[in-house]
Amino acid sequence: MRTYSPPLRHSPWPLLMGAVALMAVLALSACSTPRTPEGIQPVRGFDVDRYAGHWHEVARIENSFERGLTQATATYSRSADNTIKVVNRGYDPVRKQWKEAEGRAEFVDSPDRAALKVSFFGPFYGGYNVVALDENYQWAMVVGSSKDYLWILSRTPTLPTGVRSRLMAQARAMGVDVDKVLWVEQDPSVAPPG
Protein backbone atom coordinates (compact mmCIF):
# COMPACT_ATOMS: atom_id res chain seq x y z
CA MET A 1 0.00 0.00 0.00
CA ARG A 2 1.32 3.46 -0.89
CA THR A 3 1.02 6.39 1.41
CA TYR A 4 0.44 9.87 0.16
CA SER A 5 3.13 12.42 0.91
CA PRO A 6 2.53 16.05 -0.02
CA PRO A 7 5.08 17.67 -2.34
CA LEU A 8 7.95 19.40 -0.61
CA ARG A 9 7.56 23.14 -0.45
CA HIS A 10 10.63 25.27 -0.63
CA SER A 11 10.77 28.35 1.48
CA PRO A 12 10.56 31.56 -0.60
CA TRP A 13 12.99 33.32 1.76
CA PRO A 14 16.29 32.38 0.06
CA LEU A 15 14.93 33.56 -3.28
CA LEU A 16 13.52 36.73 -1.74
CA MET A 17 16.78 37.49 0.11
CA GLY A 18 18.76 36.91 -3.08
CA ALA A 19 16.53 39.36 -4.94
CA VAL A 20 16.94 41.95 -2.17
CA ALA A 21 20.75 41.51 -2.23
CA LEU A 22 20.80 41.89 -6.02
CA MET A 23 18.72 45.07 -5.82
CA ALA A 24 21.09 46.47 -3.15
CA VAL A 25 24.11 45.76 -5.35
CA LEU A 26 22.41 47.42 -8.33
CA ALA A 27 21.46 50.44 -6.22
CA LEU A 28 25.02 50.85 -4.92
CA SER A 29 26.35 50.44 -8.43
CA ALA A 30 24.01 53.19 -9.64
CA CYS A 31 25.21 55.44 -6.83
CA SER A 32 28.87 54.76 -7.44
CA THR A 33 28.93 55.59 -11.15
CA PRO A 34 26.69 58.56 -11.84
CA ARG A 35 25.73 59.18 -15.43
CA THR A 36 26.16 62.43 -17.29
CA PRO A 37 22.67 63.89 -17.87
CA GLU A 38 21.29 63.68 -21.39
CA GLY A 39 22.33 66.64 -23.54
CA ILE A 40 25.30 67.49 -21.30
CA GLN A 41 28.77 67.38 -22.86
CA PRO A 42 31.71 67.55 -20.42
CA VAL A 43 34.73 69.58 -21.54
CA ARG A 44 37.39 67.67 -23.50
CA GLY A 45 41.10 68.44 -23.19
CA PHE A 46 40.64 68.90 -19.43
CA ASP A 47 43.77 69.38 -17.28
CA VAL A 48 43.10 68.57 -13.62
CA ASP A 49 46.35 70.17 -12.48
CA ARG A 50 45.30 73.51 -13.99
CA TYR A 51 41.81 73.07 -12.47
CA ALA A 52 43.22 72.38 -9.00
CA GLY A 53 43.26 75.18 -6.47
CA HIS A 54 40.76 77.56 -4.88
CA TRP A 55 37.44 78.53 -6.49
CA HIS A 56 34.65 80.87 -5.39
CA GLU A 57 31.14 79.56 -5.95
CA VAL A 58 29.46 82.55 -7.56
CA ALA A 59 26.19 80.79 -8.45
CA ARG A 60 24.36 77.52 -7.87
CA ILE A 61 21.00 75.87 -8.01
CA GLU A 62 20.14 75.65 -4.31
CA ASN A 63 20.47 72.18 -2.81
CA SER A 64 19.95 70.66 0.63
CA PHE A 65 23.62 70.39 1.55
CA GLU A 66 24.42 74.06 0.79
CA ARG A 67 21.08 75.66 1.61
CA GLY A 68 21.49 79.24 2.79
CA LEU A 69 25.29 79.29 2.70
CA THR A 70 27.18 82.39 1.57
CA GLN A 71 30.90 82.78 0.89
CA ALA A 72 30.87 79.29 -0.65
CA THR A 73 34.19 78.01 -1.97
CA ALA A 74 35.67 74.79 -3.31
CA THR A 75 39.31 73.76 -3.20
CA TYR A 76 40.66 70.88 -5.29
CA SER A 77 44.03 69.12 -5.00
CA ARG A 78 45.46 65.91 -6.39
CA SER A 79 45.88 63.10 -3.84
CA ALA A 80 48.66 60.49 -3.75
CA ASP A 81 46.23 57.79 -4.97
CA ASN A 82 45.45 59.88 -8.10
CA THR A 83 42.03 60.91 -6.86
CA ILE A 84 41.15 64.54 -6.24
CA LYS A 85 40.65 65.90 -2.73
CA VAL A 86 37.64 68.23 -2.54
CA VAL A 87 37.08 70.70 0.29
CA ASN A 88 33.83 72.68 0.17
CA ARG A 89 33.29 75.51 2.62
CA GLY A 90 30.50 78.02 3.20
CA TYR A 91 29.29 80.47 5.81
CA ASP A 92 25.92 79.99 7.54
CA PRO A 93 24.76 83.55 8.33
CA VAL A 94 21.90 82.34 10.55
CA ARG A 95 24.14 80.27 12.86
CA LYS A 96 27.09 82.58 12.26
CA GLN A 97 29.44 79.68 11.66
CA TRP A 98 31.45 78.08 8.85
CA LYS A 99 30.54 74.68 7.47
CA GLU A 100 33.04 72.44 5.74
CA ALA A 101 32.80 69.13 3.90
CA GLU A 102 35.70 67.07 2.62
CA GLY A 103 35.33 64.52 -0.14
CA ARG A 104 37.06 62.91 -3.08
CA ALA A 105 36.55 62.91 -6.81
CA GLU A 106 37.52 60.43 -9.50
CA PHE A 107 37.30 60.52 -13.26
CA VAL A 108 34.44 58.50 -14.70
CA ASP A 109 36.55 57.58 -17.74
CA SER A 110 39.45 59.39 -19.45
CA PRO A 111 41.19 62.10 -17.34
CA ASP A 112 41.13 64.53 -20.27
CA ARG A 113 37.29 64.48 -20.24
CA ALA A 114 35.84 66.58 -17.39
CA ALA A 115 33.31 63.98 -16.22
CA LEU A 116 33.94 63.05 -12.60
CA LYS A 117 32.15 61.48 -9.70
CA VAL A 118 32.39 63.04 -6.24
CA SER A 119 31.73 61.46 -2.85
CA PHE A 120 31.31 63.08 0.52
CA PHE A 121 29.44 60.10 2.03
CA GLY A 122 31.24 56.77 1.65
CA PRO A 123 30.31 54.75 -1.40
CA PHE A 124 27.68 57.22 -2.64
CA TYR A 125 28.78 59.40 -5.55
CA GLY A 126 27.27 62.33 -7.37
CA GLY A 127 28.12 63.53 -10.84
CA TYR A 128 30.46 66.45 -11.48
CA ASN A 129 30.56 67.47 -15.14
CA VAL A 130 32.52 70.57 -16.14
CA VAL A 131 30.53 71.83 -19.15
CA ALA A 132 32.13 75.25 -19.65
CA LEU A 133 35.68 76.28 -18.81
CA ASP A 134 37.67 79.43 -19.44
CA GLU A 135 40.78 78.72 -21.54
CA ASN A 136 42.88 80.13 -18.68
CA TYR A 137 40.93 78.16 -16.04
CA GLN A 138 39.56 81.33 -14.44
CA TRP A 139 35.87 80.31 -14.41
CA ALA A 140 33.87 77.12 -14.90
CA MET A 141 30.31 75.85 -15.03
CA VAL A 142 29.51 72.43 -13.56
CA VAL A 143 26.39 70.25 -13.89
CA GLY A 144 25.78 67.38 -11.47
CA SER A 145 24.07 64.02 -11.94
CA SER A 146 20.96 65.83 -13.13
CA LYS A 147 20.19 69.26 -14.52
CA ASP A 148 18.85 70.20 -11.07
CA TYR A 149 22.46 70.60 -9.88
CA LEU A 150 24.51 73.47 -11.30
CA TRP A 151 27.45 75.49 -10.01
CA ILE A 152 29.34 78.42 -11.50
CA LEU A 153 32.85 78.81 -10.13
CA SER A 154 35.38 81.60 -10.47
CA ARG A 155 38.92 82.17 -9.25
CA THR A 156 37.71 85.58 -8.04
CA PRO A 157 34.48 86.48 -6.15
CA THR A 158 32.94 87.92 -9.34
CA LEU A 159 32.82 86.92 -12.99
CA PRO A 160 34.32 89.01 -15.79
CA THR A 161 31.87 91.20 -17.73
CA GLY A 162 29.69 89.23 -20.14
CA VAL A 163 30.52 85.76 -18.75
CA ARG A 164 27.38 85.54 -16.58
CA SER A 165 24.99 86.07 -19.50
CA ARG A 166 27.01 83.73 -21.73
CA LEU A 167 26.91 80.92 -19.14
CA MET A 168 23.18 81.42 -18.48
CA ALA A 169 22.48 81.18 -22.22
CA GLN A 170 24.53 77.96 -22.42
CA ALA A 171 22.77 76.50 -19.35
CA ARG A 172 19.34 77.34 -20.82
CA ALA A 173 20.33 75.68 -24.13
CA MET A 174 21.31 72.52 -22.19
CA GLY A 175 17.86 72.37 -20.59
CA VAL A 176 18.75 73.78 -17.16
CA ASP A 177 16.02 75.84 -15.47
CA VAL A 178 18.03 79.06 -15.12
CA ASP A 179 15.25 80.66 -13.05
CA LYS A 180 16.44 78.40 -10.19
CA VAL A 181 20.01 79.75 -10.28
CA LEU A 182 20.98 81.58 -7.09
CA TRP A 183 23.84 84.09 -7.22
CA VAL A 184 25.88 83.50 -4.07
CA GLU A 185 26.79 86.40 -1.80
CA GLN A 186 30.54 86.85 -1.56
CA ASP A 187 31.20 89.20 1.37
CA PRO A 188 34.94 89.74 1.83
CA SER A 189 34.33 91.14 5.35
CA VAL A 190 33.42 87.63 6.54
CA ALA A 191 36.73 85.81 6.51
CA PRO A 192 36.97 82.02 6.83
CA PRO A 193 38.84 80.58 9.82
CA GLY A 194 42.51 79.66 9.58
C-alpha atoms as a PDB file:
ATOM      1  CA  MET A   1       0.000   0.000   0.000  1.00  0.00           C
ATOM      2  CA  ARG A   2       1.316   3.456  -0.894  1.00  0.00           C
ATOM      3  CA  THR A   3       1.017   6.394   1.408  1.00  0.00           C
ATOM      4  CA  TYR A   4       0.441   9.871   0.157  1.00  0.00           C
ATOM      5  CA  SER A   5       3.133  12.422   0.913  1.00  0.00           C
ATOM      6  CA  PRO A   6       2.528  16.051  -0.020  1.00  0.00           C
ATOM      7  CA  PRO A   7       5.080  17.668  -2.338  1.00  0.00           C
ATOM      8  CA  LEU A   8       7.954  19.405  -0.606  1.00  0.00           C
ATOM      9  CA  ARG A   9       7.556  23.138  -0.447  1.00  0.00           C
ATOM     10  CA  HIS A  10      10.630  25.270  -0.634  1.00  0.00           C
ATOM     11  CA  SER A  11      10.772  28.353   1.478  1.00  0.00           C
ATOM     12  CA  PRO A  12      10.561  31.559  -0.600  1.00  0.00           C
ATOM     13  CA  TRP A  13      12.994  33.321   1.761  1.00  0.00           C
ATOM     14  CA  PRO A  14      16.287  32.376   0.055  1.00  0.00           C
ATOM     15  CA  LEU A  15      14.932  33.559  -3.283  1.00  0.00           C
ATOM     16  CA  LEU A  16      13.521  36.730  -1.742  1.00  0.00           C
ATOM     17  CA  MET A  17      16.778  37.486   0.115  1.00  0.00           C
ATOM     18  CA  GLY A  18      18.760  36.907  -3.080  1.00  0.00           C
ATOM     19  CA  ALA A  19      16.526  39.358  -4.940  1.00  0.00           C
ATOM     20  CA  VAL A  20      16.944  41.948  -2.173  1.00  0.00           C
ATOM     21  CA  ALA A  21      20.746  41.513  -2.225  1.00  0.00           C
ATOM     22  CA  LEU A  22      20.805  41.892  -6.017  1.00  0.00           C
ATOM     23  CA  MET A  23      18.717  45.069  -5.816  1.00  0.00           C
ATOM     24  CA  ALA A  24      21.086  46.465  -3.152  1.00  0.00           C
ATOM     25  CA  VAL A  25      24.113  45.762  -5.351  1.00  0.00           C
ATOM     26  CA  LEU A  26      22.413  47.418  -8.332  1.00  0.00           C
ATOM     27  CA  ALA A  27      21.463  50.444  -6.221  1.00  0.00           C
ATOM     28  CA  LEU A  28      25.020  50.846  -4.922  1.00  0.00           C
ATOM     29  CA  SER A  29      26.347  50.445  -8.435  1.00  0.00           C
ATOM     30  CA  ALA A  30      24.012  53.186  -9.645  1.00  0.00           C
ATOM     31  CA  CYS A  31      25.205  55.442  -6.828  1.00  0.00           C
ATOM     32  CA  SER A  32      28.875  54.756  -7.439  1.00  0.00           C
ATOM     33  CA  THR A  33      28.933  55.594 -11.151  1.00  0.00           C
ATOM     34  CA  PRO A  34      26.687  58.563 -11.838  1.00  0.00           C
ATOM     35  CA  ARG A  35      25.733  59.178 -15.427  1.00  0.00           C
ATOM     36  CA  THR A  36      26.155  62.433 -17.293  1.00  0.00           C
ATOM     37  CA  PRO A  37      22.671  63.889 -17.871  1.00  0.00           C
ATOM     38  CA  GLU A  38      21.286  63.682 -21.393  1.00  0.00           C
ATOM     39  CA  GLY A  39      22.330  66.636 -23.539  1.00  0.00           C
ATOM     40  CA  ILE A  40      25.296  67.492 -21.299  1.00  0.00           C
ATOM     41  CA  GLN A  41      28.770  67.384 -22.860  1.00  0.00           C
ATOM     42  CA  PRO A  42      31.708  67.548 -20.417  1.00  0.00           C
ATOM     43  CA  VAL A  43      34.725  69.578 -21.538  1.00  0.00           C
ATOM     44  CA  ARG A  44      37.393  67.675 -23.498  1.00  0.00           C
ATOM     45  CA  GLY A  45      41.104  68.440 -23.193  1.00  0.00           C
ATOM     46  CA  PHE A  46      40.636  68.902 -19.434  1.00  0.00           C
ATOM     47  CA  ASP A  47      43.765  69.383 -17.277  1.00  0.00           C
ATOM     48  CA  VAL A  48      43.098  68.565 -13.625  1.00  0.00           C
ATOM     49  CA  ASP A  49      46.350  70.170 -12.480  1.00  0.00           C
ATOM     50  CA  ARG A  50      45.300  73.509 -13.990  1.00  0.00           C
ATOM     51  CA  TYR A  51      41.812  73.071 -12.474  1.00  0.00           C
ATOM     52  CA  ALA A  52      43.224  72.383  -8.998  1.00  0.00           C
ATOM     53  CA  GLY A  53      43.259  75.180  -6.466  1.00  0.00           C
ATOM     54  CA  HIS A  54      40.764  77.555  -4.883  1.00  0.00           C
ATOM     55  CA  TRP A  55      37.440  78.534  -6.492  1.00  0.00           C
ATOM     56  CA  HIS A  56      34.645  80.869  -5.394  1.00  0.00           C
ATOM     57  CA  GLU A  57      31.138  79.557  -5.952  1.00  0.00           C
ATOM     58  CA  VAL A  58      29.455  82.549  -7.557  1.00  0.00           C
ATOM     59  CA  ALA A  59      26.191  80.790  -8.454  1.00  0.00           C
ATOM     60  CA  ARG A  60      24.355  77.523  -7.868  1.00  0.00           C
ATOM     61  CA  ILE A  61      20.997  75.866  -8.010  1.00  0.00           C
ATOM     62  CA  GLU A  62      20.143  75.651  -4.310  1.00  0.00           C
ATOM     63  CA  ASN A  63      20.473  72.183  -2.815  1.00  0.00           C
ATOM     64  CA  SER A  64      19.946  70.664   0.631  1.00  0.00           C
ATOM     65  CA  PHE A  65      23.624  70.392   1.553  1.00  0.00           C
ATOM     66  CA  GLU A  66      24.420  74.060   0.785  1.00  0.00           C
ATOM     67  CA  ARG A  67      21.081  75.660   1.611  1.00  0.00           C
ATOM     68  CA  GLY A  68      21.491  79.241   2.788  1.00  0.00           C
ATOM     69  CA  LEU A  69      25.288  79.288   2.701  1.00  0.00           C
ATOM     70  CA  THR A  70      27.177  82.386   1.567  1.00  0.00           C
ATOM     71  CA  GLN A  71      30.897  82.776   0.893  1.00  0.00           C
ATOM     72  CA  ALA A  72      30.873  79.289  -0.650  1.00  0.00           C
ATOM     73  CA  THR A  73      34.185  78.015  -1.974  1.00  0.00           C
ATOM     74  CA  ALA A  74      35.668  74.789  -3.314  1.00  0.00           C
ATOM     75  CA  THR A  75      39.314  73.760  -3.199  1.00  0.00           C
ATOM     76  CA  TYR A  76      40.655  70.879  -5.293  1.00  0.00           C
ATOM     77  CA  SER A  77      44.025  69.123  -4.998  1.00  0.00           C
ATOM     78  CA  ARG A  78      45.456  65.905  -6.392  1.00  0.00           C
ATOM     79  CA  SER A  79      45.879  63.099  -3.845  1.00  0.00           C
ATOM     80  CA  ALA A  80      48.663  60.492  -3.752  1.00  0.00           C
ATOM     81  CA  ASP A  81      46.229  57.786  -4.971  1.00  0.00           C
ATOM     82  CA  ASN A  82      45.450  59.883  -8.102  1.00  0.00           C
ATOM     83  CA  THR A  83      42.032  60.906  -6.860  1.00  0.00           C
ATOM     84  CA  ILE A  84      41.151  64.542  -6.238  1.00  0.00           C
ATOM     85  CA  LYS A  85      40.649  65.899  -2.731  1.00  0.00           C
ATOM     86  CA  VAL A  86      37.642  68.226  -2.537  1.00  0.00           C
ATOM     87  CA  VAL A  87      37.076  70.695   0.293  1.00  0.00           C
ATOM     88  CA  ASN A  88      33.826  72.679   0.174  1.00  0.00           C
ATOM     89  CA  ARG A  89      33.288  75.506   2.621  1.00  0.00           C
ATOM     90  CA  GLY A  90      30.504  78.022   3.202  1.00  0.00           C
ATOM     91  CA  TYR A  91      29.287  80.473   5.812  1.00  0.00           C
ATOM     92  CA  ASP A  92      25.917  79.990   7.539  1.00  0.00           C
ATOM     93  CA  PRO A  93      24.763  83.552   8.330  1.00  0.00           C
ATOM     94  CA  VAL A  94      21.901  82.338  10.550  1.00  0.00           C
ATOM     95  CA  ARG A  95      24.137  80.266  12.861  1.00  0.00           C
ATOM     96  CA  LYS A  96      27.094  82.585  12.263  1.00  0.00           C
ATOM     97  CA  GLN A  97      29.441  79.682  11.657  1.00  0.00           C
ATOM     98  CA  TRP A  98      31.452  78.085   8.855  1.00  0.00           C
ATOM     99  CA  LYS A  99      30.537  74.675   7.471  1.00  0.00           C
ATOM    100  CA  GLU A 100      33.039  72.441   5.735  1.00  0.00           C
ATOM    101  CA  ALA A 101      32.796  69.133   3.900  1.00  0.00           C
ATOM    102  CA  GLU A 102      35.700  67.071   2.623  1.00  0.00           C
ATOM    103  CA  GLY A 103      35.329  64.517  -0.141  1.00  0.00           C
ATOM    104  CA  ARG A 104      37.059  62.910  -3.075  1.00  0.00           C
ATOM    105  CA  ALA A 105      36.550  62.911  -6.812  1.00  0.00           C
ATOM    106  CA  GLU A 106      37.524  60.426  -9.501  1.00  0.00           C
ATOM    107  CA  PHE A 107      37.303  60.524 -13.261  1.00  0.00           C
ATOM    108  CA  VAL A 108      34.438  58.503 -14.703  1.00  0.00           C
ATOM    109  CA  ASP A 109      36.554  57.580 -17.742  1.00  0.00           C
ATOM    110  CA  SER A 110      39.447  59.390 -19.452  1.00  0.00           C
ATOM    111  CA  PRO A 111      41.188  62.102 -17.338  1.00  0.00           C
ATOM    112  CA  ASP A 112      41.125  64.532 -20.265  1.00  0.00           C
ATOM    113  CA  ARG A 113      37.293  64.478 -20.236  1.00  0.00           C
ATOM    114  CA  ALA A 114      35.845  66.579 -17.394  1.00  0.00           C
ATOM    115  CA  ALA A 115      33.308  63.979 -16.222  1.00  0.00           C
ATOM    116  CA  LEU A 116      33.943  63.054 -12.600  1.00  0.00           C
ATOM    117  CA  LYS A 117      32.153  61.475  -9.700  1.00  0.00           C
ATOM    118  CA  VAL A 118      32.392  63.044  -6.240  1.00  0.00           C
ATOM    119  CA  SER A 119      31.727  61.457  -2.853  1.00  0.00           C
ATOM    120  CA  PHE A 120      31.306  63.079   0.524  1.00  0.00           C
ATOM    121  CA  PHE A 121      29.437  60.101   2.027  1.00  0.00           C
ATOM    122  CA  GLY A 122      31.241  56.771   1.654  1.00  0.00           C
ATOM    123  CA  PRO A 123      30.313  54.747  -1.402  1.00  0.00           C
ATOM    124  CA  PHE A 124      27.682  57.222  -2.638  1.00  0.00           C
ATOM    125  CA  TYR A 125      28.777  59.403  -5.547  1.00  0.00           C
ATOM    126  CA  GLY A 126      27.274  62.327  -7.373  1.00  0.00           C
ATOM    127  CA  GLY A 127      28.121  63.527 -10.841  1.00  0.00           C
ATOM    128  CA  TYR A 128      30.462  66.449 -11.481  1.00  0.00           C
ATOM    129  CA  ASN A 129      30.562  67.471 -15.138  1.00  0.00           C
ATOM    130  CA  VAL A 130      32.519  70.566 -16.140  1.00  0.00           C
ATOM    131  CA  VAL A 131      30.530  71.830 -19.146  1.00  0.00           C
ATOM    132  CA  ALA A 132      32.135  75.254 -19.654  1.00  0.00           C
ATOM    133  CA  LEU A 133      35.675  76.281 -18.815  1.00  0.00           C
ATOM    134  CA  ASP A 134      37.671  79.427 -19.444  1.00  0.00           C
ATOM    135  CA  GLU A 135      40.778  78.724 -21.544  1.00  0.00           C
ATOM    136  CA  ASN A 136      42.881  80.130 -18.680  1.00  0.00           C
ATOM    137  CA  TYR A 137      40.934  78.158 -16.043  1.00  0.00           C
ATOM    138  CA  GLN A 138      39.560  81.332 -14.444  1.00  0.00           C
ATOM    139  CA  TRP A 139      35.871  80.315 -14.410  1.00  0.00           C
ATOM    140  CA  ALA A 140      33.874  77.119 -14.903  1.00  0.00           C
ATOM    141  CA  MET A 141      30.309  75.849 -15.033  1.00  0.00           C
ATOM    142  CA  VAL A 142      29.510  72.430 -13.558  1.00  0.00           C
ATOM    143  CA  VAL A 143      26.389  70.253 -13.891  1.00  0.00           C
ATOM    144  CA  GLY A 144      25.781  67.384 -11.466  1.00  0.00           C
ATOM    145  CA  SER A 145      24.072  64.017 -11.936  1.00  0.00           C
ATOM    146  CA  SER A 146      20.959  65.826 -13.128  1.00  0.00           C
ATOM    147  CA  LYS A 147      20.187  69.260 -14.519  1.00  0.00           C
ATOM    148  CA  ASP A 148      18.850  70.197 -11.068  1.00  0.00           C
ATOM    149  CA  TYR A 149      22.460  70.604  -9.881  1.00  0.00           C
ATOM    150  CA  LEU A 150      24.506  73.467 -11.304  1.00  0.00           C
ATOM    151  CA  TRP A 151      27.449  75.491 -10.011  1.00  0.00           C
ATOM    152  CA  ILE A 152      29.339  78.418 -11.501  1.00  0.00           C
ATOM    153  CA  LEU A 153      32.847  78.808 -10.134  1.00  0.00           C
ATOM    154  CA  SER A 154      35.382  81.597 -10.467  1.00  0.00           C
ATOM    155  CA  ARG A 155      38.921  82.169  -9.249  1.00  0.00           C
ATOM    156  CA  THR A 156      37.706  85.582  -8.036  1.00  0.00           C
ATOM    157  CA  PRO A 157      34.480  86.481  -6.152  1.00  0.00           C
ATOM    158  CA  THR A 158      32.944  87.919  -9.340  1.00  0.00           C
ATOM    159  CA  LEU A 159      32.818  86.924 -12.993  1.00  0.00           C
ATOM    160  CA  PRO A 160      34.321  89.007 -15.791  1.00  0.00           C
ATOM    161  CA  THR A 161      31.871  91.198 -17.733  1.00  0.00           C
ATOM    162  CA  GLY A 162      29.689  89.225 -20.136  1.00  0.00           C
ATOM    163  CA  VAL A 163      30.517  85.762 -18.752  1.00  0.00           C
ATOM    164  CA  ARG A 164      27.377  85.535 -16.579  1.00  0.00           C
ATOM    165  CA  SER A 165      24.986  86.075 -19.498  1.00  0.00           C
ATOM    166  CA  ARG A 166      27.012  83.732 -21.729  1.00  0.00           C
ATOM    167  CA  LEU A 167      26.906  80.919 -19.137  1.00  0.00           C
ATOM    168  CA  MET A 168      23.178  81.424 -18.481  1.00  0.00           C
ATOM    169  CA  ALA A 169      22.480  81.178 -22.217  1.00  0.00           C
ATOM    170  CA  GLN A 170      24.527  77.958 -22.418  1.00  0.00           C
ATOM    171  CA  ALA A 171      22.769  76.495 -19.354  1.00  0.00           C
ATOM    172  CA  ARG A 172      19.344  77.344 -20.824  1.00  0.00           C
ATOM    173  CA  ALA A 173      20.330  75.683 -24.134  1.00  0.00           C
ATOM    174  CA  MET A 174      21.314  72.522 -22.195  1.00  0.00           C
ATOM    175  CA  GLY A 175      17.860  72.373 -20.592  1.00  0.00           C
ATOM    176  CA  VAL A 176      18.755  73.778 -17.164  1.00  0.00           C
ATOM    177  CA  ASP A 177      16.022  75.836 -15.468  1.00  0.00           C
ATOM    178  CA  VAL A 178      18.033  79.063 -15.116  1.00  0.00           C
ATOM    179  CA  ASP A 179      15.250  80.656 -13.046  1.00  0.00           C
ATOM    180  CA  LYS A 180      16.441  78.403 -10.190  1.00  0.00           C
ATOM    181  CA  VAL A 181      20.012  79.751 -10.281  1.00  0.00           C
ATOM    182  CA  LEU A 182      20.982  81.575  -7.087  1.00  0.00           C
ATOM    183  CA  TRP A 183      23.840  84.087  -7.220  1.00  0.00           C
ATOM    184  CA  VAL A 184      25.875  83.502  -4.071  1.00  0.00           C
ATOM    185  CA  GLU A 185      26.786  86.400  -1.802  1.00  0.00           C
ATOM    186  CA  GLN A 186      30.537  86.845  -1.556  1.00  0.00           C
ATOM    187  CA  ASP A 187      31.198  89.197   1.368  1.00  0.00           C
ATOM    188  CA  PRO A 188      34.944  89.742   1.833  1.00  0.00           C
ATOM    189  CA  SER A 189      34.327  91.139   5.346  1.00  0.00           C
ATOM    190  CA  VAL A 190      33.420  87.633   6.543  1.00  0.00           C
ATOM    191  CA  ALA A 191      36.733  85.810   6.506  1.00  0.00           C
ATOM    192  CA  PRO A 192      36.967  82.022   6.834  1.00  0.00           C
ATOM    193  CA  PRO A 193      38.839  80.584   9.821  1.00  0.00           C
ATOM    194  CA  GLY A 194      42.508  79.662   9.577  1.00  0.00           C
END
